[in-house]
Protein backbone atom coordinates (compact mmCIF):
# COMPACT_ATOMS: atom_id res chain seq x y z
CA UNK A 1 -64.91 -91.17 -113.96
CA UNK A 2 -65.25 -89.80 -110.44
CA UNK A 3 -68.58 -89.08 -108.78
CA UNK A 4 -68.83 -86.73 -105.83
CA UNK A 5 -72.05 -86.42 -103.86
CA UNK A 6 -72.43 -83.71 -101.23
CA UNK A 7 -74.90 -83.72 -98.36
CA UNK A 8 -75.61 -81.82 -95.19
CA UNK A 9 -76.47 -78.33 -96.37
CA UNK A 10 -79.40 -76.39 -95.04
CA UNK A 11 -80.62 -73.32 -93.23
CA UNK A 12 -79.06 -72.28 -89.94
CA UNK A 13 -79.01 -69.16 -87.82
CA UNK A 14 -75.89 -67.10 -87.41
CA UNK A 15 -73.61 -68.61 -84.81
CA UNK A 16 -74.84 -72.11 -85.54
CA UNK A 17 -73.09 -75.14 -86.98
CA UNK A 18 -73.42 -77.46 -89.94
CA UNK A 19 -71.48 -80.44 -91.21
CA UNK A 20 -71.15 -81.11 -94.91
CA UNK A 21 -70.17 -84.51 -96.23
CA UNK A 22 -68.90 -85.58 -99.63
CA UNK A 23 -68.78 -89.19 -100.80
CA UNK A 24 -66.46 -90.10 -103.64
CA UNK A 25 -66.79 -93.06 -105.97
CA UNK A 26 -65.84 -94.18 -109.45
CA UNK A 27 -63.20 -96.20 -111.20
CA UNK A 28 -60.75 -93.36 -111.58
CA UNK A 29 -61.00 -92.02 -108.04
CA UNK A 30 -57.57 -92.55 -106.52
CA UNK A 31 -57.53 -91.90 -102.81
CA UNK A 32 -53.75 -92.19 -102.74
CA UNK A 33 -53.09 -89.34 -105.13
CA UNK A 34 -56.07 -87.05 -105.20
CA UNK A 35 -56.47 -84.05 -102.97
CA UNK A 36 -59.95 -83.12 -101.90
CA UNK A 37 -61.32 -79.68 -101.25
CA UNK A 38 -64.38 -77.60 -100.60
CA UNK A 39 -65.15 -74.47 -102.58
CA UNK A 40 -68.16 -72.21 -102.39
CA UNK A 41 -69.98 -69.82 -104.68
CA UNK A 42 -72.30 -67.06 -103.54
CA UNK A 43 -74.75 -65.37 -105.94
CA UNK A 44 -72.96 -63.00 -108.26
CA UNK A 45 -69.52 -64.07 -107.07
CA UNK A 46 -66.82 -66.37 -108.34
CA UNK A 47 -66.26 -69.81 -106.89
CA UNK A 48 -63.75 -69.53 -104.06
CA UNK A 49 -61.59 -71.92 -102.10
CA UNK A 50 -62.75 -72.78 -98.59
CA UNK A 51 -60.59 -75.70 -97.41
CA UNK A 52 -58.46 -78.46 -98.84
CA UNK A 53 -56.68 -81.59 -97.70
CA UNK A 54 -53.93 -83.72 -99.20
CA UNK A 55 -54.37 -87.37 -100.11
CA UNK A 56 -53.56 -88.72 -96.66
CA UNK A 57 -55.53 -86.14 -94.73
CA UNK A 58 -52.43 -85.14 -92.88
CA UNK A 59 -52.18 -81.63 -94.29
CA UNK A 60 -55.05 -79.20 -94.53
CA UNK A 61 -55.43 -75.59 -95.55
CA UNK A 62 -58.13 -73.00 -95.08
CA UNK A 63 -59.07 -69.65 -96.51
CA UNK A 64 -58.54 -66.72 -94.18
CA UNK A 65 -62.27 -66.15 -93.96
CA UNK A 66 -62.97 -69.57 -92.42
CA UNK A 67 -59.72 -70.29 -90.56
CA UNK A 68 -60.50 -71.21 -86.98
CA UNK A 69 -64.21 -71.81 -87.65
CA UNK A 70 -64.21 -74.62 -90.21
CA UNK A 71 -62.49 -78.00 -90.07
CA UNK A 72 -61.92 -80.32 -93.01
CA UNK A 73 -61.40 -84.02 -92.41
CA UNK A 74 -60.90 -86.97 -94.70
CA UNK A 75 -61.68 -90.66 -94.25
CA UNK A 76 -59.95 -92.74 -96.91
CA UNK A 77 -61.47 -95.98 -95.64
CA UNK A 78 -64.89 -94.61 -96.58
CA UNK A 79 -63.82 -92.27 -99.43
CA UNK A 80 -65.40 -89.29 -97.71
CA UNK A 81 -64.42 -85.74 -96.85
CA UNK A 82 -66.30 -83.66 -94.33
CA UNK A 83 -66.43 -79.97 -93.60
CA UNK A 84 -67.42 -79.04 -90.10
CA UNK A 85 -68.59 -75.42 -89.98
CA UNK A 86 -68.93 -73.59 -86.68
CA UNK A 87 -69.77 -70.00 -85.78
CA UNK A 88 -71.49 -69.55 -89.10
CA UNK A 89 -72.02 -66.05 -90.45
CA UNK A 90 -74.49 -64.72 -93.03
CA UNK A 91 -71.55 -64.17 -95.38
CA UNK A 92 -70.96 -67.95 -95.37
CA UNK A 93 -74.17 -68.32 -97.36
CA UNK A 94 -73.33 -70.01 -100.66
CA UNK A 95 -73.51 -73.22 -102.63
CA UNK A 96 -70.72 -75.45 -101.36
CA UNK A 97 -68.94 -77.75 -103.80
CA UNK A 98 -66.79 -80.76 -103.12
CA UNK A 99 -63.82 -81.28 -105.44
CA UNK A 100 -61.26 -84.02 -106.01
CA UNK A 101 -58.14 -83.91 -108.11
CA UNK A 102 -54.84 -82.11 -108.36
CA UNK A 103 -53.25 -81.02 -105.10
CA UNK A 104 -51.46 -78.22 -106.93
CA UNK A 105 -54.58 -76.83 -108.56
CA UNK A 106 -57.07 -77.32 -105.77
CA UNK A 107 -55.05 -76.72 -102.62
CA UNK A 108 -51.88 -74.85 -103.54
CA UNK A 109 -53.24 -72.60 -106.29
CA UNK A 110 -56.81 -72.76 -104.99
CA UNK A 111 -58.16 -72.46 -108.50
CA UNK A 112 -61.29 -74.28 -109.67
CA UNK A 113 -60.62 -76.17 -112.86
CA UNK A 114 -62.61 -78.36 -115.20
CA UNK A 115 -59.64 -80.72 -115.11
CA UNK A 116 -60.70 -81.74 -111.61
CA UNK A 117 -63.87 -83.44 -110.45
CA UNK A 118 -66.77 -81.61 -108.89
CA UNK A 119 -69.96 -82.44 -107.10
CA UNK A 120 -73.31 -80.83 -107.80
CA UNK A 121 -73.15 -78.62 -104.75
CA UNK A 122 -75.21 -78.19 -101.61
CA UNK A 123 -76.85 -74.97 -100.45
CA UNK A 124 -75.88 -73.45 -97.12
CA UNK A 125 -77.94 -70.50 -95.94
CA UNK A 126 -77.10 -68.60 -92.77
CA UNK A 127 -79.77 -66.24 -91.48
CA UNK A 128 -78.89 -63.16 -89.41
């Protein structure tokens, strides 16, 4: 099994910054094969891809809506992945989920799947 624990969510004013962190653990977590990603889900909407990174951290991708404002980074020595969010907007308000698993599903296809591993989520609220 793989356990993913997110932290760092909260309430921030528009234009502010937050950093989310995700710590991975478990016997089947393989840092050398698993991609990691952040998705988010706003009320009444489907879960959507935010950012993803390959196993080494050398390649990262972003959704158009966060490109240039968010930065994903991975630390394989500590089994963590962070999401630095700058210039936050009210439309960034959502529950943010950390995911680990298939590079093809999570990063290339950007499709949430029960075949991958997910954290419980952390709330990010951006006030106008």
